[in-house]
Amino acid sequence: MNKHLIWIDGDDFSGWCCSRCTWGMTAPRLESTVAALAFNRVAQEDFEKHTCVHNAQADA
């Protein structure tokens, strides 16, 4: 199963997350569209580099 970059917006967390593991990047308060685009680009790059760590109990 492939991993996907997903946006989570909740009461205690807003940011990009992995669809398969606990990797996440909290979104800061951004004042401009340029800053938001830069944050999204960095999140995409970090996401592509991360390796999902599987929980043995979750796979059982």
PDB file of N, CA and C in Angstrom:
ATOM      1  N   MET A   1       0.840  -1.176   0.000  1.00  0.00           N
ATOM      2  CA  MET A   1       0.000   0.000   0.000  1.00  0.00           C
ATOM      3  C   MET A   1       0.888   1.244   0.000  1.00  0.00           C
ATOM      4  N   ASN A   2       0.584   2.189  -0.856  1.00  0.00           N
ATOM      5  CA  ASN A   2       1.368   3.410  -0.966  1.00  0.00           C
ATOM      6  C   ASN A   2       1.006   4.401   0.130  1.00  0.00           C
ATOM      7  N   LYS A   3       1.989   5.197   0.514  1.00  0.00           N
ATOM      8  CA  LYS A   3       1.732   6.266   1.473  1.00  0.00           C
ATOM      9  C   LYS A   3       1.295   7.513   0.711  1.00  0.00           C
ATOM     10  N   HIS A   4       0.489   8.339   1.375  1.00  0.00           N
ATOM     11  CA  HIS A   4      -0.002   9.571   0.781  1.00  0.00           C
ATOM     12  C   HIS A   4       0.152  10.706   1.782  1.00  0.00           C
ATOM     13  N   LEU A   5       0.435  11.886   1.278  1.00  0.00           N
ATOM     14  CA  LEU A   5       0.491  13.087   2.099  1.00  0.00           C
ATOM     15  C   LEU A   5      -0.943  13.582   2.261  1.00  0.00           C
ATOM     16  N   ILE A   6      -1.385  13.696   3.517  1.00  0.00           N
ATOM     17  CA  ILE A   6      -2.763  14.129   3.785  1.00  0.00           C
ATOM     18  C   ILE A   6      -2.764  15.314   4.736  1.00  0.00           C
ATOM     19  N   TRP A   7      -3.765  16.171   4.610  1.00  0.00           N
ATOM     20  CA  TRP A   7      -3.921  17.334   5.482  1.00  0.00           C
ATOM     21  C   TRP A   7      -4.879  16.976   6.600  1.00  0.00           C
ATOM     22  N   ILE A   8      -4.469  17.248   7.832  1.00  0.00           N
ATOM     23  CA  ILE A   8      -5.314  17.032   9.008  1.00  0.00           C
ATOM     24  C   ILE A   8      -5.552  18.398   9.654  1.00  0.00           C
ATOM     25  N   ASP A   9      -6.803  18.702   9.933  1.00  0.00           N
ATOM     26  CA  ASP A   9      -7.142  19.970  10.577  1.00  0.00           C
ATOM     27  C   ASP A   9      -8.084  19.673  11.732  1.00  0.00           C
ATOM     28  N   GLY A  10      -7.531  19.661  12.940  1.00  0.00           N
ATOM     29  CA  GLY A  10      -8.320  19.334  14.125  1.00  0.00           C
ATOM     30  C   GLY A  10      -8.161  20.376  15.209  1.00  0.00           C
ATOM     31  N   ASP A  11      -8.726  20.080  16.366  1.00  0.00           N
ATOM     32  CA  ASP A  11      -8.645  21.014  17.494  1.00  0.00           C
ATOM     33  C   ASP A  11      -7.228  21.156  18.037  1.00  0.00           C
ATOM     34  N   ASP A  12      -6.464  20.053  18.028  1.00  0.00           N
ATOM     35  CA  ASP A  12      -5.126  20.089  18.624  1.00  0.00           C
ATOM     36  C   ASP A  12      -3.989  19.926  17.617  1.00  0.00           C
ATOM     37  N   PHE A  13      -4.311  19.813  16.327  1.00  0.00           N
ATOM     38  CA  PHE A  13      -3.264  19.655  15.310  1.00  0.00           C
ATOM     39  C   PHE A  13      -3.791  20.104  13.960  1.00  0.00           C
ATOM     40  N   SER A  14      -2.981  20.875  13.246  1.00  0.00           N
ATOM     41  CA  SER A  14      -3.249  21.224  11.849  1.00  0.00           C
ATOM     42  C   SER A  14      -1.938  21.091  11.104  1.00  0.00           C
ATOM     43  N   GLY A  15      -1.937  20.302  10.050  1.00  0.00           N
ATOM     44  CA  GLY A  15      -0.722  20.142   9.267  1.00  0.00           C
ATOM     45  C   GLY A  15      -0.781  18.942   8.359  1.00  0.00           C
ATOM     46  N   TRP A  16       0.365  18.660   7.740  1.00  0.00           N
ATOM     47  CA  TRP A  16       0.498  17.545   6.822  1.00  0.00           C
ATOM     48  C   TRP A  16       0.883  16.283   7.583  1.00  0.00           C
ATOM     49  N   CYS A  17       0.319  15.149   7.206  1.00  0.00           N
ATOM     50  CA  CYS A  17       0.587  13.858   7.838  1.00  0.00           C
ATOM     51  C   CYS A  17       0.733  12.780   6.779  1.00  0.00           C
ATOM     52  N   CYS A  18       1.289  11.663   7.221  1.00  0.00           N
ATOM     53  CA  CYS A  18       1.386  10.475   6.372  1.00  0.00           C
ATOM     54  C   CYS A  18       0.128   9.637   6.564  1.00  0.00           C
ATOM     55  N   SER A  19      -0.358   9.066   5.488  1.00  0.00           N
ATOM     56  CA  SER A  19      -1.550   8.220   5.558  1.00  0.00           C
ATOM     57  C   SER A  19      -1.265   6.845   6.166  1.00  0.00           C
ATOM     58  N   ARG A  20       0.017   6.487   6.353  1.00  0.00           N
ATOM     59  CA  ARG A  20       0.368   5.146   6.825  1.00  0.00           C
ATOM     60  C   ARG A  20       1.055   5.103   8.181  1.00  0.00           C
ATOM     61  N   CYS A  21       1.563   6.236   8.681  1.00  0.00           N
ATOM     62  CA  CYS A  21       2.289   6.213   9.954  1.00  0.00           C
ATOM     63  C   CYS A  21       2.063   7.524  10.707  1.00  0.00           C
ATOM     64  N   THR A  22       2.824   7.738  11.756  1.00  0.00           N
ATOM     65  CA  THR A  22       2.630   8.902  12.613  1.00  0.00           C
ATOM     66  C   THR A  22       3.447  10.116  12.188  1.00  0.00           C
ATOM     67  N   TRP A  23       4.137  10.067  11.051  1.00  0.00           N
ATOM     68  CA  TRP A  23       4.888  11.225  10.576  1.00  0.00           C
ATOM     69  C   TRP A  23       3.931  12.393  10.395  1.00  0.00           C
ATOM     70  N   GLY A  24       4.369  13.570  10.819  1.00  0.00           N
ATOM     71  CA  GLY A  24       3.553  14.760  10.633  1.00  0.00           C
ATOM     72  C   GLY A  24       4.384  16.019  10.711  1.00  0.00           C
ATOM     73  N   MET A  25       3.865  17.078  10.123  1.00  0.00           N
ATOM     74  CA  MET A  25       4.518  18.373  10.148  1.00  0.00           C
ATOM     75  C   MET A  25       3.454  19.421  10.475  1.00  0.00           C
ATOM     76  N   THR A  26       3.561  19.992  11.664  1.00  0.00           N
ATOM     77  CA  THR A  26       2.589  20.978  12.130  1.00  0.00           C
ATOM     78  C   THR A  26       2.699  22.262  11.325  1.00  0.00           C
ATOM     79  N   ALA A  27       1.561  22.777  10.901  1.00  0.00           N
ATOM     80  CA  ALA A  27       1.530  24.013  10.120  1.00  0.00           C
ATOM     81  C   ALA A  27       1.669  25.225  11.033  1.00  0.00           C
ATOM     82  N   PRO A  28       2.631  26.100  10.740  1.00  0.00           N
ATOM     83  CA  PRO A  28       2.742  27.343  11.509  1.00  0.00           C
ATOM     84  C   PRO A  28       1.712  28.359  11.002  1.00  0.00           C
ATOM     85  N   ARG A  29       1.522  29.412  11.753  1.00  0.00           N
ATOM     86  CA  ARG A  29       0.668  30.511  11.266  1.00  0.00           C
ATOM     87  C   ARG A  29       1.460  31.254  10.203  1.00  0.00           C
ATOM     88  N   LEU A  30       0.903  31.329   9.002  1.00  0.00           N
ATOM     89  CA  LEU A  30       1.612  31.950   7.886  1.00  0.00           C
ATOM     90  C   LEU A  30       0.900  33.222   7.454  1.00  0.00           C
ATOM     91  N   GLU A  31       1.688  34.244   7.190  1.00  0.00           N
ATOM     92  CA  GLU A  31       1.131  35.557   6.876  1.00  0.00           C
ATOM     93  C   GLU A  31       0.928  35.800   5.383  1.00  0.00           C
ATOM     94  N   SER A  32       1.458  34.929   4.534  1.00  0.00           N
ATOM     95  CA  SER A  32       1.334  35.179   3.099  1.00  0.00           C
ATOM     96  C   SER A  32       1.196  33.877   2.328  1.00  0.00           C
ATOM     97  N   THR A  33       0.709  34.010   1.108  1.00  0.00           N
ATOM     98  CA  THR A  33       0.586  32.856   0.220  1.00  0.00           C
ATOM     99  C   THR A  33       1.959  32.301  -0.121  1.00  0.00           C
ATOM    100  N   VAL A  34       2.935  33.178  -0.288  1.00  0.00           N
ATOM    101  CA  VAL A  34       4.299  32.745  -0.596  1.00  0.00           C
ATOM    102  C   VAL A  34       4.842  31.868   0.528  1.00  0.00           C
ATOM    103  N   ALA A  35       4.622  32.276   1.779  1.00  0.00           N
ATOM    104  CA  ALA A  35       5.076  31.488   2.924  1.00  0.00           C
ATOM    105  C   ALA A  35       4.355  30.146   2.972  1.00  0.00           C
ATOM    106  N   ALA A  36       3.053  30.125   2.686  1.00  0.00           N
ATOM    107  CA  ALA A  36       2.293  28.875   2.683  1.00  0.00           C
ATOM    108  C   ALA A  36       2.805  27.933   1.601  1.00  0.00           C
ATOM    109  N   LEU A  37       3.092  28.458   0.424  1.00  0.00           N
ATOM    110  CA  LEU A  37       3.622  27.624  -0.661  1.00  0.00           C
ATOM    111  C   LEU A  37       4.987  27.058  -0.295  1.00  0.00           C
ATOM    112  N   ALA A  38       5.828  27.858   0.358  1.00  0.00           N
ATOM    113  CA  ALA A  38       7.145  27.378   0.788  1.00  0.00           C
ATOM    114  C   ALA A  38       7.004  26.278   1.833  1.00  0.00           C
ATOM    115  N   PHE A  39       6.094  26.456   2.802  1.00  0.00           N
ATOM    116  CA  PHE A  39       5.850  25.427   3.817  1.00  0.00           C
ATOM    117  C   PHE A  39       5.380  24.134   3.159  1.00  0.00           C
ATOM    118  N   ASN A  40       4.457  24.238   2.217  1.00  0.00           N
ATOM    119  CA  ASN A  40       3.938  23.051   1.540  1.00  0.00           C
ATOM    120  C   ASN A  40       5.037  22.330   0.762  1.00  0.00           C
ATOM    121  N   ARG A  41       5.926  23.092   0.132  1.00  0.00           N
ATOM    122  CA  ARG A  41       7.029  22.490  -0.616  1.00  0.00           C
ATOM    123  C   ARG A  41       7.972  21.730   0.326  1.00  0.00           C
ATOM    124  N   VAL A  42       8.310  22.334   1.468  1.00  0.00           N
ATOM    125  CA  VAL A  42       9.190  21.686   2.456  1.00  0.00           C
ATOM    126  C   VAL A  42       8.509  20.436   3.018  1.00  0.00           C
ATOM    127  N   ALA A  43       7.223  20.528   3.310  1.00  0.00           N
ATOM    128  CA  ALA A  43       6.487  19.365   3.824  1.00  0.00           C
ATOM    129  C   ALA A  43       6.513  18.228   2.804  1.00  0.00           C
ATOM    130  N   GLN A  44       6.298  18.531   1.534  1.00  0.00           N
ATOM    131  CA  GLN A  44       6.321  17.509   0.481  1.00  0.00           C
ATOM    132  C   GLN A  44       7.696  16.854   0.395  1.00  0.00           C
ATOM    133  N   GLU A  45       8.750  17.662   0.442  1.00  0.00           N
ATOM    134  CA  GLU A  45      10.113  17.123   0.362  1.00  0.00           C
ATOM    135  C   GLU A  45      10.425  16.233   1.552  1.00  0.00           C
ATOM    136  N   ASP A  46      10.078  16.671   2.764  1.00  0.00           N
ATOM    137  CA  ASP A  46      10.322  15.861   3.966  1.00  0.00           C
ATOM    138  C   ASP A  46       9.505  14.579   3.934  1.00  0.00           C
ATOM    139  N   PHE A  47       8.264  14.675   3.482  1.00  0.00           N
ATOM    140  CA  PHE A  47       7.401  13.496   3.385  1.00  0.00           C
ATOM    141  C   PHE A  47       8.010  12.455   2.452  1.00  0.00           C
ATOM    142  N   GLU A  48       8.485  12.888   1.308  1.00  0.00           N
ATOM    143  CA  GLU A  48       9.060  11.953   0.333  1.00  0.00           C
ATOM    144  C   GLU A  48      10.308  11.266   0.871  1.00  0.00           C
ATOM    145  N   LYS A  49      11.038  11.917   1.784  1.00  0.00           N
ATOM    146  CA  LYS A  49      12.267  11.355   2.351  1.00  0.00           C
ATOM    147  C   LYS A  49      12.016  10.420   3.528  1.00  0.00           C
ATOM    148  N   HIS A  50      10.846  10.546   4.188  1.00  0.00           N
ATOM    149  CA  HIS A  50      10.646   9.763   5.413  1.00  0.00           C
ATOM    150  C   HIS A  50      10.329   8.298   5.084  1.00  0.00           C
ATOM    151  N   THR A  51      10.685   7.445   6.023  1.00  0.00           N
ATOM    152  CA  THR A  51      10.385   6.019   5.933  1.00  0.00           C
ATOM    153  C   THR A  51       9.372   5.692   7.019  1.00  0.00           C
ATOM    154  N   CYS A  52       8.265   5.100   6.620  1.00  0.00           N
ATOM    155  CA  CYS A  52       7.228   4.740   7.590  1.00  0.00           C
ATOM    156  C   CYS A  52       7.772   3.690   8.556  1.00  0.00           C
ATOM    157  N   VAL A  53       7.498   3.892   9.826  1.00  0.00           N
ATOM    158  CA  VAL A  53       7.856   2.931  10.857  1.00  0.00           C
ATOM    159  C   VAL A  53       6.565   2.212  11.232  1.00  0.00           C
ATOM    160  N   HIS A  54       6.556   0.901  11.024  1.00  0.00           N
ATOM    161  CA  HIS A  54       5.354   0.130  11.272  1.00  0.00           C
ATOM    162  C   HIS A  54       5.301  -0.370  12.709  1.00  0.00           C
ATOM    163  N   ASN A  55       4.138  -0.309  13.284  1.00  0.00           N
ATOM    164  CA  ASN A  55       3.892  -0.836  14.621  1.00  0.00           C
ATOM    165  C   ASN A  55       3.502  -2.305  14.456  1.00  0.00           C
ATOM    166  N   ALA A  56       4.256  -3.197  15.075  1.00  0.00           N
ATOM    167  CA  ALA A  56       4.001  -4.634  14.941  1.00  0.00           C
ATOM    168  C   ALA A  56       2.587  -5.006  15.392  1.00  0.00           C
ATOM    169  N   GLN A  57       2.073  -4.352  16.423  1.00  0.00           N
ATOM    170  CA  GLN A  57       0.720  -4.661  16.902  1.00  0.00           C
ATOM    171  C   GLN A  57      -0.329  -4.208  15.914  1.00  0.00           C
ATOM    172  N   ALA A  58      -0.096  -3.109  15.215  1.00  0.00           N
ATOM    173  CA  ALA A  58      -1.089  -2.609  14.245  1.00  0.00           C
ATOM    174  C   ALA A  58      -1.170  -3.533  13.036  1.00  0.00           C
ATOM    175  N   ASP A  59      -0.048  -4.189  12.687  1.00  0.00           N
ATOM    176  CA  ASP A  59      -0.021  -5.081  11.529  1.00  0.00           C
ATOM    177  C   ASP A  59      -0.572  -6.467  11.873  1.00  0.00           C
ATOM    178  N   ALA A  60      -0.677  -6.799  13.135  1.00  0.00           N
ATOM    179  CA  ALA A  60      -1.109  -8.143  13.550  1.00  0.00           C
ATOM    180  C   ALA A  60      -2.603  -8.336  13.418  1.00  0.00           C
TER     181      ALA A  60
END
